[in-house]
Amino acid sequence: MSNGLIFHCPGCDAEFEADLTMIGTESQCPECGARFVVPTPIAREGMEIAGFKLKSKLGEGGMGEVWLAEQMAMGRVVALKLLSPSLVGKPDFVKRFMHEIRMAGRLEHPNIITAFDAGEVQGFFYLAMAYCDGVELSDRMRIDGRIPEKEALKIVRDIALALDYAWTEHQILHRDIKPSNIMLDSKGGAKLMDMGISKSFKDTPEMTVSGTIVGTPYYISPEQGRADAHIDFHSDIYSLGATLYHMVTGQFPFDGESTMDIVAKHVNQPLKPPRQVNPALSSYVCALIEKMMAKNPLARQASWKNVVADIDLVLNGKLPNSAPISESIPQSPVNHERTITMTPAKIAAAADIKITINTPDHLAAVTPVPPAAVTPLPNPEPPSAMTPPPSPSAMTKPEPPPRPEEKRKPVKTPLPSRPRKSSWAPVLLTVAIIVMAGLCFLRVIACFSTIENTRLIKIDGNQLRAAEDIAAKLQSDAANLVAQKRLADAIALLIDYNGDLAAETALKRRELAKQLQFSPAEREKAPASKDGNEQ
């Protein structure tokens, strides 16, 4: 296998092999004397690299390109990752790419994209991986905005299982958990990919540079943002929690005008409660997110198995273990200072009145004073003779006092009532006049606007037909991309279209993009999309 770049002289077509460090430098042909610049290796459709025939480009990232390729010897379709041509001549990036190859070669898990071949040939650094027929989580979020809560929890659970395997079995830290590094297959499962900046604690710390921030700003942990020299799996827990936050709210946990502004917020600023962004979320998932995204790594889960256990609790409608107290979890206020002391006498006297009685200590030893003795009064002397009661005849009835003369009130004779005139007649007449005038005015306006309305209807009809033609053209182009296994490009074509009638075709384009997430057989049975977030 060649370790250099093979190219041809533009003057005499002589074949040369140059060291990769010479890419972009000027040289001279020893055969014809022509001067030329050592070219950058560029992948193109139909090219064969190390037994893999390139079919179409699936995507492109910061470090390289991913191609749909066919392994000629095995007759199978694979995803072939190539180091970006602009980075081939940079030793640091070549070293990082080779590091990813070593990390990917160790991992074999149902929720991790499997790698099975790698190397360098003719200036191309390649990594052959299993092809996953699905869509990236980032593309799914671009289409739907938010992911339903239960589905998001299942996705995060799959990735937590993958990270638990990587950490427990190989002490590997991913360090770049984000939606674009998660693939959703056609069966709904989630798979982790891109181990480009992962770190193994079983190896020498060759990929760790003190003072260097590694990761994606929107999902980076506070300890990564501070460029701490010693980080562990707690950092990946934070990043996975930030990914879950983005999935269920449709917003980044922290945003800013620059990368350092975002990183500083991860380090110092409190997290905005997820329920303030999406009130439909349950308190259980909010508690899970806040626990995973705690600023202090020790306040997060103690292991990946604990993360999976907490996710299972939330899926069953329960709070995660040791959930943090926040606005997402309503607490019952308890006042421990309101103590009511009652005596039996007071309770008997007033059962519905609560009185607090506090006896001072200096009165507790006072001896109660007994009540004073009561001296009975002497009885009066009895009469000498009993006086007989008076006879009934001798008893006279007292006359009542004379009543004062009552003043008679004069009686008013009612006057004969006169018929009152109704006040509704003028009002009804006025209303009738106004209504008739309004109807006449509307009739006149309708007559004058008939021609204009007819013209507008014709314009709207033409615009509608033009919008349908644009949507049909975009649908055809997207179908061609899907046939080439370029699903991400097809989704981007539909979602990012900003040409004529972009606003009028927005709903149709989004509906077409949603249908692309299904397999051909599932598209026939796919229900019409509904706006909103299902729970």
Protein backbone atom coordinates (compact mmCIF):
# COMPACT_ATOMS: atom_id res chain seq x y z
CA MET A 1 0.00 0.00 0.00
CA SER A 2 1.33 3.41 -0.98
CA ASN A 3 2.08 5.96 1.73
CA GLY A 4 2.30 8.93 -0.63
CA LEU A 5 0.28 10.89 -3.14
CA ILE A 6 0.35 9.60 -6.72
CA PHE A 7 -0.32 12.14 -9.49
CA HIS A 8 0.65 12.90 -13.09
CA CYS A 9 2.68 15.74 -14.55
CA PRO A 10 0.41 18.18 -16.43
CA GLY A 11 3.11 18.57 -19.12
CA CYS A 12 4.22 15.03 -20.06
CA ASP A 13 1.72 12.90 -18.07
CA ALA A 14 4.56 11.20 -16.18
CA GLU A 15 3.48 9.52 -12.93
CA PHE A 16 4.97 10.71 -9.66
CA GLU A 17 4.64 9.88 -5.98
CA ALA A 18 5.05 12.71 -3.49
CA ASP A 19 5.08 12.85 0.28
CA LEU A 20 1.86 14.15 1.79
CA THR A 21 3.69 17.07 3.37
CA MET A 22 4.43 18.38 -0.16
CA ILE A 23 0.74 18.97 -0.95
CA GLY A 24 0.29 22.55 -2.13
CA THR A 25 4.00 23.18 -2.74
CA GLU A 26 5.59 23.99 -6.09
CA SER A 27 7.78 21.39 -7.80
CA GLN A 28 9.41 20.65 -11.20
CA CYS A 29 9.04 17.62 -13.44
CA PRO A 30 12.40 15.87 -13.96
CA GLU A 31 11.22 14.54 -17.35
CA CYS A 32 10.00 17.66 -19.17
CA GLY A 33 11.05 20.41 -16.78
CA ALA A 34 7.50 21.70 -16.34
CA ARG A 35 6.74 23.37 -13.03
CA PHE A 36 3.57 22.51 -11.17
CA VAL A 37 1.94 22.55 -7.72
CA VAL A 38 1.57 19.20 -5.99
CA PRO A 39 -2.22 18.71 -6.09
CA THR A 40 -4.59 17.99 -3.22
CA PRO A 41 -6.24 14.56 -3.45
CA ILE A 42 -9.89 15.02 -4.34
CA ALA A 43 -12.46 12.22 -4.14
CA ARG A 44 -14.94 11.96 -6.98
CA GLU A 45 -17.82 9.70 -7.93
CA GLY A 46 -16.70 6.41 -9.48
CA MET A 47 -13.20 6.54 -7.96
CA GLU A 48 -11.91 3.37 -6.32
CA ILE A 49 -10.03 3.70 -3.02
CA ALA A 50 -8.55 0.62 -1.38
CA GLY A 51 -11.17 -1.68 -2.90
CA PHE A 52 -14.10 0.69 -2.21
CA LYS A 53 -15.89 2.25 -5.19
CA LEU A 54 -17.34 5.69 -4.42
CA LYS A 55 -21.01 6.01 -5.41
CA SER A 56 -22.25 9.32 -3.92
CA LYS A 57 -21.37 11.76 -1.18
CA LEU A 58 -23.58 11.35 1.92
CA GLY A 59 -22.35 14.36 3.87
CA GLU A 60 -19.45 16.55 4.86
CA GLY A 61 -18.20 17.67 8.27
CA GLY A 62 -15.37 19.61 9.82
CA MET A 63 -12.83 16.79 9.51
CA GLY A 64 -13.90 14.95 6.42
CA GLU A 65 -16.42 13.61 3.93
CA VAL A 66 -18.65 10.56 4.15
CA TRP A 67 -19.32 8.66 0.93
CA LEU A 68 -21.69 5.88 0.05
CA ALA A 69 -19.40 3.20 -1.37
CA GLU A 70 -19.42 -0.41 -2.43
CA GLN A 71 -16.85 -2.83 -1.11
CA MET A 72 -15.94 -4.64 -4.31
CA ALA A 73 -14.66 -7.84 -2.69
CA MET A 74 -17.71 -8.32 -0.43
CA GLY A 75 -20.37 -6.77 -2.66
CA ARG A 76 -21.85 -4.77 0.22
CA VAL A 77 -22.73 -1.12 0.67
CA VAL A 78 -20.68 0.76 3.26
CA ALA A 79 -20.17 4.30 4.51
CA LEU A 80 -16.62 5.42 3.73
CA LYS A 81 -15.26 8.35 5.72
CA LEU A 82 -12.38 10.27 4.12
CA LEU A 83 -10.20 12.83 5.81
CA SER A 84 -10.86 16.26 4.29
CA PRO A 85 -8.41 17.01 1.43
CA SER A 86 -7.55 20.35 3.01
CA LEU A 87 -6.37 18.55 6.17
CA VAL A 88 -4.34 15.76 4.60
CA GLY A 89 -1.14 17.81 4.78
CA LYS A 90 -1.66 18.80 8.44
CA PRO A 91 -0.07 16.27 10.82
CA ASP A 92 -2.26 17.19 13.80
CA PHE A 93 -5.48 16.37 11.96
CA VAL A 94 -4.02 13.25 10.41
CA LYS A 95 -3.08 12.12 13.92
CA ARG A 96 -6.62 12.79 15.17
CA PHE A 97 -8.16 10.88 12.26
CA MET A 98 -5.94 7.88 12.90
CA HIS A 99 -6.92 8.12 16.55
CA GLU A 100 -10.58 7.84 15.55
CA ILE A 101 -9.73 4.75 13.52
CA ARG A 102 -8.17 3.11 16.58
CA MET A 103 -11.10 4.03 18.83
CA ALA A 104 -13.72 2.83 16.35
CA GLY A 105 -11.89 -0.46 15.84
CA ARG A 106 -12.27 -1.35 19.53
CA LEU A 107 -16.02 -0.78 19.82
CA GLU A 108 -18.66 -3.32 18.86
CA HIS A 109 -22.12 -2.53 20.21
CA PRO A 110 -25.66 -2.51 18.71
CA ASN A 111 -25.94 1.23 19.35
CA ILE A 112 -22.54 2.18 17.89
CA ILE A 113 -21.77 2.41 14.16
CA THR A 114 -19.37 -0.48 13.51
CA ALA A 115 -16.04 0.14 11.75
CA PHE A 116 -14.30 -2.73 9.97
CA ASP A 117 -11.54 -1.33 7.75
CA ALA A 118 -9.22 1.68 7.68
CA GLY A 119 -5.95 2.91 6.29
CA GLU A 120 -4.24 5.32 3.90
CA VAL A 121 -3.73 4.98 0.16
CA GLN A 122 -2.66 7.51 -2.46
CA GLY A 123 -3.09 10.39 -0.03
CA PHE A 124 -6.58 9.32 1.09
CA PHE A 125 -7.09 8.46 4.75
CA TYR A 126 -10.24 6.34 4.95
CA LEU A 127 -12.43 4.62 7.53
CA ALA A 128 -14.98 2.05 6.35
CA MET A 129 -18.10 1.78 8.53
CA ALA A 130 -21.39 -0.06 8.40
CA TYR A 131 -23.98 1.88 6.40
CA CYS A 132 -27.03 2.86 8.45
CA ASP A 133 -30.18 3.36 6.39
CA GLY A 134 -31.73 6.20 8.33
CA VAL A 135 -31.55 9.89 9.12
CA GLU A 136 -29.37 11.95 11.41
CA LEU A 137 -31.08 13.22 14.55
CA SER A 138 -30.10 16.77 13.61
CA ASP A 139 -32.00 16.45 10.30
CA ARG A 140 -35.02 15.01 12.11
CA MET A 141 -35.00 18.01 14.46
CA ARG A 142 -34.78 20.40 11.52
CA ILE A 143 -37.98 18.86 10.14
CA ASP A 144 -40.04 18.42 13.31
CA GLY A 145 -38.57 21.14 15.54
CA ARG A 146 -39.22 19.17 18.73
CA ILE A 147 -39.09 15.45 19.37
CA PRO A 148 -41.98 13.96 21.43
CA GLU A 149 -40.94 13.38 25.03
CA LYS A 150 -41.17 9.57 25.12
CA GLU A 151 -39.42 9.16 21.78
CA ALA A 152 -36.64 11.51 22.89
CA LEU A 153 -36.17 9.51 26.10
CA LYS A 154 -35.86 6.26 24.12
CA ILE A 155 -33.24 7.82 21.84
CA VAL A 156 -31.23 9.07 24.81
CA ARG A 157 -31.53 5.66 26.47
CA ASP A 158 -29.97 3.93 23.43
CA ILE A 159 -27.06 6.38 23.41
CA ALA A 160 -26.59 5.99 27.18
CA LEU A 161 -26.28 2.24 26.70
CA ALA A 162 -23.64 2.79 24.02
CA LEU A 163 -21.68 5.21 26.19
CA ASP A 164 -21.95 2.86 29.18
CA TYR A 165 -20.34 0.12 27.07
CA ALA A 166 -17.60 2.45 25.78
CA TRP A 167 -16.73 3.68 29.28
CA THR A 168 -17.15 0.46 31.27
CA GLU A 169 -15.40 -1.86 28.82
CA HIS A 170 -12.80 0.45 27.25
CA GLN A 171 -12.66 3.60 29.41
CA ILE A 172 -13.46 5.64 26.28
CA LEU A 173 -14.88 9.15 26.60
CA HIS A 174 -16.67 10.49 23.50
CA ARG A 175 -16.40 14.26 24.26
CA ASP A 176 -18.64 15.37 21.36
CA ILE A 177 -22.20 14.13 22.01
CA LYS A 178 -24.62 16.10 19.81
CA PRO A 179 -27.60 15.44 17.46
CA SER A 180 -25.45 15.33 14.31
CA ASN A 181 -23.46 12.43 15.82
CA ILE A 182 -26.59 10.33 16.43
CA MET A 183 -28.14 8.30 13.62
CA LEU A 184 -31.75 7.06 13.69
CA ASP A 185 -32.23 3.86 11.71
CA SER A 186 -35.36 2.78 9.86
CA LYS A 187 -36.54 0.76 12.89
CA GLY A 188 -36.40 3.72 15.26
CA GLY A 189 -33.19 2.75 17.01
CA ALA A 190 -30.42 5.26 17.74
CA LYS A 191 -26.74 4.69 16.96
CA LEU A 192 -23.71 6.70 18.05
CA MET A 193 -21.06 7.68 15.53
CA ASP A 194 -17.97 9.85 15.08
CA MET A 195 -15.31 9.00 17.63
CA GLY A 196 -13.00 11.66 16.17
CA ILE A 197 -12.17 13.44 19.43
CA SER A 198 -12.83 10.60 21.84
CA LYS A 199 -10.30 9.81 24.53
CA SER A 200 -9.25 6.50 26.04
CA PHE A 201 -8.08 6.59 29.64
CA LYS A 202 -6.27 3.31 29.09
CA ASP A 203 -3.86 5.03 26.68
CA THR A 204 -1.33 7.79 27.10
CA PRO A 205 -2.94 11.24 27.10
CA GLU A 206 -1.75 12.04 23.62
CA MET A 207 -5.02 13.66 22.54
CA THR A 208 -5.36 15.87 25.61
CA VAL A 209 -3.74 19.28 25.51
CA SER A 210 -3.97 21.45 28.61
CA GLY A 211 -5.78 24.72 27.90
CA THR A 212 -7.49 23.40 24.74
CA ILE A 213 -11.30 23.32 24.58
CA VAL A 214 -12.58 20.16 22.88
CA GLY A 215 -16.24 19.71 21.93
CA THR A 216 -19.21 21.50 20.36
CA PRO A 217 -20.14 24.76 22.17
CA TYR A 218 -23.91 24.18 22.30
CA TYR A 219 -23.52 20.86 24.17
CA ILE A 220 -20.16 21.25 25.91
CA SER A 221 -19.85 20.50 29.63
CA PRO A 222 -18.63 23.15 32.10
CA GLU A 223 -15.45 21.17 32.81
CA GLN A 224 -14.75 20.98 29.08
CA GLY A 225 -15.42 24.70 28.79
CA ARG A 226 -12.86 25.37 31.52
CA ALA A 227 -10.40 23.08 29.67
CA ASP A 228 -9.89 21.01 32.81
CA ALA A 229 -7.07 18.52 32.48
CA HIS A 230 -9.01 15.71 34.17
CA ILE A 231 -12.54 14.92 32.96
CA ASP A 232 -14.45 11.66 32.96
CA PHE A 233 -17.77 10.17 31.87
CA HIS A 234 -19.68 12.87 33.79
CA SER A 235 -18.82 15.23 30.93
CA ASP A 236 -20.59 12.99 28.40
CA ILE A 237 -23.60 12.80 30.75
CA TYR A 238 -23.86 16.59 30.64
CA SER A 239 -23.61 16.66 26.82
CA LEU A 240 -26.28 13.97 26.48
CA GLY A 241 -28.51 15.96 28.85
CA ALA A 242 -27.98 19.06 26.70
CA THR A 243 -28.94 17.02 23.63
CA LEU A 244 -32.12 15.86 25.40
CA TYR A 245 -32.89 19.49 26.34
CA HIS A 246 -32.59 20.51 22.67
CA MET A 247 -34.76 17.60 21.51
CA VAL A 248 -37.75 18.25 23.79
CA THR A 249 -37.65 22.08 23.80
CA GLY A 250 -36.47 22.84 20.27
CA GLN A 251 -33.89 25.28 21.65
CA PHE A 252 -30.25 25.12 22.67
CA PRO A 253 -29.68 25.12 26.45
CA PHE A 254 -27.47 28.19 26.01
CA ASP A 255 -26.98 30.48 23.03
CA GLY A 256 -24.85 33.52 22.39
CA GLU A 257 -23.19 35.78 19.87
CA SER A 258 -19.88 33.91 19.90
CA THR A 259 -18.42 30.55 20.79
CA MET A 260 -16.80 31.84 23.97
CA ASP A 261 -20.04 33.51 25.01
CA ILE A 262 -21.88 30.18 24.77
CA VAL A 263 -19.12 28.31 26.61
CA ALA A 264 -19.10 30.94 29.39
CA LYS A 265 -22.85 30.46 29.89
CA HIS A 266 -22.40 26.70 30.23
CA VAL A 267 -19.82 27.35 32.93
CA ASN A 268 -21.51 30.15 34.91
CA GLN A 269 -25.15 30.74 33.97
CA PRO A 270 -28.03 28.77 35.55
CA LEU A 271 -30.01 26.55 33.20
CA LYS A 272 -33.39 27.87 32.07
CA PRO A 273 -35.99 25.32 33.25
CA PRO A 274 -37.14 23.23 30.26
CA ARG A 275 -40.78 23.67 31.23
CA GLN A 276 -40.52 27.43 30.69
CA VAL A 277 -39.62 26.73 27.07
CA ASN A 278 -42.08 23.86 26.52
CA PRO A 279 -44.91 23.84 29.13
CA ALA A 280 -46.14 20.48 27.81
CA LEU A 281 -43.15 18.66 29.32
CA SER A 282 -43.64 16.51 32.39
CA SER A 283 -41.92 17.39 35.65
CA TYR A 284 -40.15 14.02 35.50
CA VAL A 285 -38.21 14.68 32.30
CA CYS A 286 -37.40 18.21 33.50
CA ALA A 287 -35.93 16.79 36.70
CA LEU A 288 -33.88 14.29 34.66
CA ILE A 289 -32.46 17.03 32.42
CA GLU A 290 -31.57 19.26 35.36
CA LYS A 291 -29.80 16.38 37.09
CA MET A 292 -27.80 15.43 34.00
CA MET A 293 -26.86 19.08 33.39
CA ALA A 294 -25.81 19.95 36.93
CA LYS A 295 -22.83 22.33 36.97
CA ASN A 296 -21.02 20.15 39.51
CA PRO A 297 -20.07 16.81 37.91
CA LEU A 298 -20.55 15.02 41.25
CA ALA A 299 -24.18 16.19 41.34
CA ARG A 300 -24.90 14.21 38.17
CA GLN A 301 -25.51 10.47 38.05
CA ALA A 302 -22.72 8.35 39.53
CA SER A 303 -22.59 5.99 36.54
CA TRP A 304 -24.11 5.38 33.11
CA LYS A 305 -26.16 2.55 34.61
CA ASN A 306 -27.72 5.11 36.95
CA VAL A 307 -28.52 7.29 33.92
CA VAL A 308 -30.32 4.37 32.24
CA ALA A 309 -32.18 3.59 35.49
CA ASP A 310 -33.31 7.22 35.80
CA ILE A 311 -34.52 7.25 32.19
CA ASP A 312 -36.54 4.08 32.87
CA LEU A 313 -38.12 5.74 35.92
CA VAL A 314 -39.12 8.78 33.88
CA LEU A 315 -40.57 6.57 31.12
CA ASN A 316 -42.72 4.93 33.82
CA GLY A 317 -43.96 8.29 35.11
CA LYS A 318 -41.67 8.58 38.12
CA LEU A 319 -39.03 11.04 39.28
CA PRO A 320 -35.39 10.08 38.81
CA ASN A 321 -33.46 9.04 41.90
CA SER A 322 -32.23 12.00 43.99
CA ALA A 323 -33.95 14.45 41.67
CA PRO A 324 -32.91 18.08 42.24
CA ILE A 325 -35.50 20.43 43.75
CA SER A 326 -36.42 23.06 41.19
CA GLU A 327 -39.33 24.93 39.71
CA SER A 328 -40.17 21.86 37.67
CA ILE A 329 -41.08 19.87 40.81
CA PRO A 330 -43.81 21.53 42.89
CA GLN A 331 -43.10 21.33 46.63
CA SER A 332 -45.61 21.50 49.47
CA PRO A 333 -44.73 24.36 51.85
CA VAL A 334 -44.32 23.30 55.47
CA ASN A 335 -44.25 25.86 58.32
CA HIS A 336 -42.46 24.37 61.31
CA GLU A 337 -42.92 27.46 63.52
CA ARG A 338 -46.73 27.43 63.83
CA THR A 339 -47.11 25.41 67.08
CA ILE A 340 -50.43 25.61 68.91
CA THR A 341 -50.48 24.70 72.66
CA MET A 342 -53.90 23.98 74.21
CA THR A 343 -54.93 23.01 77.75
CA PRO A 344 -57.83 20.63 78.45
CA ALA A 345 -59.81 23.42 80.12
CA LYS A 346 -59.49 25.70 77.10
CA ILE A 347 -60.35 22.89 74.71
CA ALA A 348 -63.53 22.16 76.71
CA ALA A 349 -64.44 25.84 76.87
CA ALA A 350 -63.78 26.73 73.23
CA ALA A 351 -63.08 23.80 70.98
CA ASP A 352 -62.90 25.86 67.82
CA ILE A 353 -60.54 28.54 69.14
CA LYS A 354 -56.79 27.95 69.04
CA ILE A 355 -54.82 29.74 71.76
CA THR A 356 -51.14 29.51 72.57
CA ILE A 357 -50.39 29.51 76.31
CA ASN A 358 -46.80 29.78 77.45
CA THR A 359 -46.14 29.55 81.23
CA PRO A 360 -43.01 31.49 82.32
CA ASP A 361 -40.46 29.55 84.32
CA HIS A 362 -40.49 31.97 87.27
CA LEU A 363 -44.19 31.30 87.79
CA ALA A 364 -43.94 27.53 87.72
CA ALA A 365 -42.86 27.28 91.42
CA VAL A 366 -45.47 29.68 92.90
CA THR A 367 -47.77 27.96 95.41
CA PRO A 368 -51.42 28.60 94.58
CA VAL A 369 -53.30 30.64 97.30
CA PRO A 370 -56.38 28.85 98.68
CA PRO A 371 -59.69 30.72 98.45
CA ALA A 372 -60.75 32.85 101.51
CA ALA A 373 -63.24 31.45 104.05
CA VAL A 374 -66.87 32.52 103.51
CA THR A 375 -68.72 33.81 106.69
CA PRO A 376 -72.52 33.32 106.54
CA LEU A 377 -74.73 36.42 107.30
CA PRO A 378 -77.04 36.26 110.44
CA ASN A 379 -80.72 35.44 109.80
CA PRO A 380 -83.24 38.30 110.48
CA GLU A 381 -85.62 37.99 113.42
CA PRO A 382 -88.97 36.33 112.51
CA PRO A 383 -92.08 38.55 112.67
CA SER A 384 -94.23 38.32 115.78
CA ALA A 385 -97.48 37.81 113.92
CA MET A 386 -98.26 36.74 110.44
CA THR A 387 -100.18 39.39 108.46
CA PRO A 388 -103.03 37.81 106.47
CA PRO A 389 -103.06 38.43 102.72
CA PRO A 390 -105.52 41.05 101.45
CA SER A 391 -108.88 39.86 100.20
CA PRO A 392 -109.66 39.85 96.51
CA SER A 393 -112.37 42.47 96.98
CA ALA A 394 -109.98 44.87 98.53
CA MET A 395 -107.61 44.59 95.56
CA THR A 396 -108.18 47.25 92.90
CA LYS A 397 -107.00 47.16 89.25
CA PRO A 398 -104.80 50.11 88.36
CA GLU A 399 -106.08 52.33 85.58
CA PRO A 400 -103.90 52.60 82.50
CA PRO A 401 -102.38 56.01 81.78
CA PRO A 402 -104.22 58.13 79.30
CA ARG A 403 -102.95 57.77 75.67
CA PRO A 404 -101.84 60.83 73.85
CA GLU A 405 -104.00 61.88 70.99
CA GLU A 406 -102.80 60.34 67.75
CA LYS A 407 -102.27 62.63 64.78
CA ARG A 408 -104.08 61.46 61.75
CA LYS A 409 -102.15 61.42 58.53
CA PRO A 410 -103.89 63.02 55.59
CA VAL A 411 -104.97 60.57 52.92
CA LYS A 412 -103.70 61.42 49.44
CA THR A 413 -106.10 60.80 46.65
CA PRO A 414 -104.23 59.40 43.60
CA LEU A 415 -104.59 61.36 40.41
CA PRO A 416 -105.79 59.58 37.31
CA SER A 417 -102.80 58.16 35.34
CA ARG A 418 -102.01 59.57 31.96
CA PRO A 419 -100.82 57.36 29.09
CA ARG A 420 -97.01 57.73 28.59
CA LYS A 421 -95.58 57.99 25.15
CA SER A 422 -93.16 55.11 24.18
CA SER A 423 -89.47 56.21 23.85
CA TRP A 424 -88.49 53.17 21.69
CA ALA A 425 -90.11 54.36 18.49
CA PRO A 426 -87.44 57.00 17.62
CA VAL A 427 -84.64 54.59 18.52
CA LEU A 428 -85.99 51.82 16.32
CA LEU A 429 -86.51 54.23 13.48
CA THR A 430 -82.92 55.47 13.76
CA VAL A 431 -81.51 51.93 13.81
CA ALA A 432 -83.56 50.98 10.75
CA ILE A 433 -82.26 54.01 8.85
CA ILE A 434 -78.64 53.19 9.75
CA VAL A 435 -79.00 49.53 8.75
CA MET A 436 -80.55 50.45 5.39
CA ALA A 437 -77.81 52.98 4.73
CA GLY A 438 -75.10 50.41 5.60
CA LEU A 439 -76.61 47.81 3.29
CA CYS A 440 -76.77 50.28 0.47
CA PHE A 441 -73.15 51.29 1.06
CA LEU A 442 -71.97 47.68 1.06
CA ARG A 443 -73.90 47.00 -2.14
CA VAL A 444 -72.21 49.92 -3.82
CA ILE A 445 -68.76 48.79 -2.65
CA ALA A 446 -69.47 45.24 -3.87
CA CYS A 447 -70.44 46.52 -7.28
CA PHE A 448 -67.28 48.60 -7.63
CA SER A 449 -64.98 45.74 -6.44
CA THR A 450 -66.38 42.94 -8.63
CA ILE A 451 -63.84 43.46 -11.40
CA GLU A 452 -60.95 43.79 -8.94
CA ASN A 453 -61.97 40.63 -7.08
CA THR A 454 -62.13 38.70 -10.33
CA ARG A 455 -58.61 39.82 -11.18
CA LEU A 456 -57.31 38.82 -7.71
CA ILE A 457 -58.90 35.38 -7.99
CA LYS A 458 -57.14 34.85 -11.28
CA ILE A 459 -53.82 35.95 -9.74
CA ASP A 460 -54.32 33.65 -6.72
CA GLY A 461 -55.14 30.76 -9.01
CA ASN A 462 -52.01 31.32 -11.07
CA GLN A 463 -49.92 31.62 -7.91
CA LEU A 464 -51.36 28.39 -6.54
CA ARG A 465 -50.54 26.52 -9.73
CA ALA A 466 -47.01 27.96 -9.71
CA ALA A 467 -46.53 26.87 -6.06
CA GLU A 468 -47.70 23.35 -6.93
CA ASP A 469 -45.25 23.21 -9.84
CA ILE A 470 -42.36 24.31 -7.59
CA ALA A 471 -43.26 21.74 -4.94
CA ALA A 472 -43.49 19.00 -7.57
CA LYS A 473 -40.07 19.95 -8.97
CA LEU A 474 -38.50 19.92 -5.50
CA GLN A 475 -40.13 16.58 -4.75
CA SER A 476 -38.67 15.10 -7.94
CA ASP A 477 -35.18 16.42 -7.18
CA ALA A 478 -35.40 15.13 -3.60
CA ALA A 479 -36.47 11.70 -4.85
CA ASN A 480 -33.40 11.56 -7.08
CA LEU A 481 -31.17 12.37 -4.12
CA VAL A 482 -32.84 9.69 -2.00
CA ALA A 483 -32.24 7.18 -4.79
CA GLN A 484 -28.54 8.07 -4.53
CA LYS A 485 -28.65 7.45 -0.75
CA ARG A 486 -28.26 11.19 -0.14
CA LEU A 487 -31.08 11.57 2.34
CA ALA A 488 -29.50 14.48 4.23
CA ASP A 489 -29.11 16.45 0.98
CA ALA A 490 -32.72 15.71 0.04
CA ILE A 491 -33.99 17.01 3.38
CA ALA A 492 -31.80 20.11 3.11
CA LEU A 493 -33.12 20.75 -0.41
CA LEU A 494 -36.70 20.80 0.84
CA ILE A 495 -36.22 22.60 4.14
CA ASP A 496 -33.69 25.23 3.03
CA TYR A 497 -35.40 26.25 -0.23
CA ASN A 498 -35.65 30.07 -0.38
CA GLY A 499 -36.56 30.71 -4.02
CA ASP A 500 -39.84 31.88 -5.55
CA LEU A 501 -42.97 31.29 -3.46
CA ALA A 502 -40.92 29.91 -0.57
CA ALA A 503 -43.51 31.00 2.00
CA GLU A 504 -46.41 29.56 -0.02
CA THR A 505 -44.71 26.17 -0.36
CA ALA A 506 -43.35 25.95 3.20
CA LEU A 507 -46.04 23.59 4.55
CA LYS A 508 -45.87 21.31 1.50
CA ARG A 509 -42.07 21.17 1.61
CA ARG A 510 -42.08 20.30 5.30
CA GLU A 511 -44.63 17.54 4.68
CA LEU A 512 -42.46 16.09 1.90
CA ALA A 513 -39.39 16.23 4.15
CA LYS A 514 -41.22 14.33 6.88
CA GLN A 515 -42.18 11.60 4.43
CA LEU A 516 -38.52 11.10 3.52
CA GLN A 517 -37.89 9.73 7.02
CA PHE A 518 -39.88 6.60 6.18
CA SER A 519 -38.84 3.69 4.02
CA PRO A 520 -40.58 3.35 0.60
CA ALA A 521 -43.02 0.78 2.01
CA GLU A 522 -43.79 2.93 5.04
CA ARG A 523 -44.42 6.09 3.00
CA GLU A 524 -47.63 4.61 1.61
CA LYS A 525 -48.91 4.05 5.16
CA ALA A 526 -47.44 7.21 6.68
CA PRO A 527 -50.18 9.36 8.28
CA ALA A 528 -50.48 13.02 7.57
CA SER A 529 -48.27 15.05 9.82
CA LYS A 530 -49.66 17.09 12.66
CA ASP A 531 -48.19 20.26 13.95
CA GLY A 532 -47.41 20.30 17.65
CA ASN A 533 -45.65 18.10 20.10
CA GLU A 534 -47.30 14.80 20.95
CA GLN A 535 -46.71 13.36 24.35
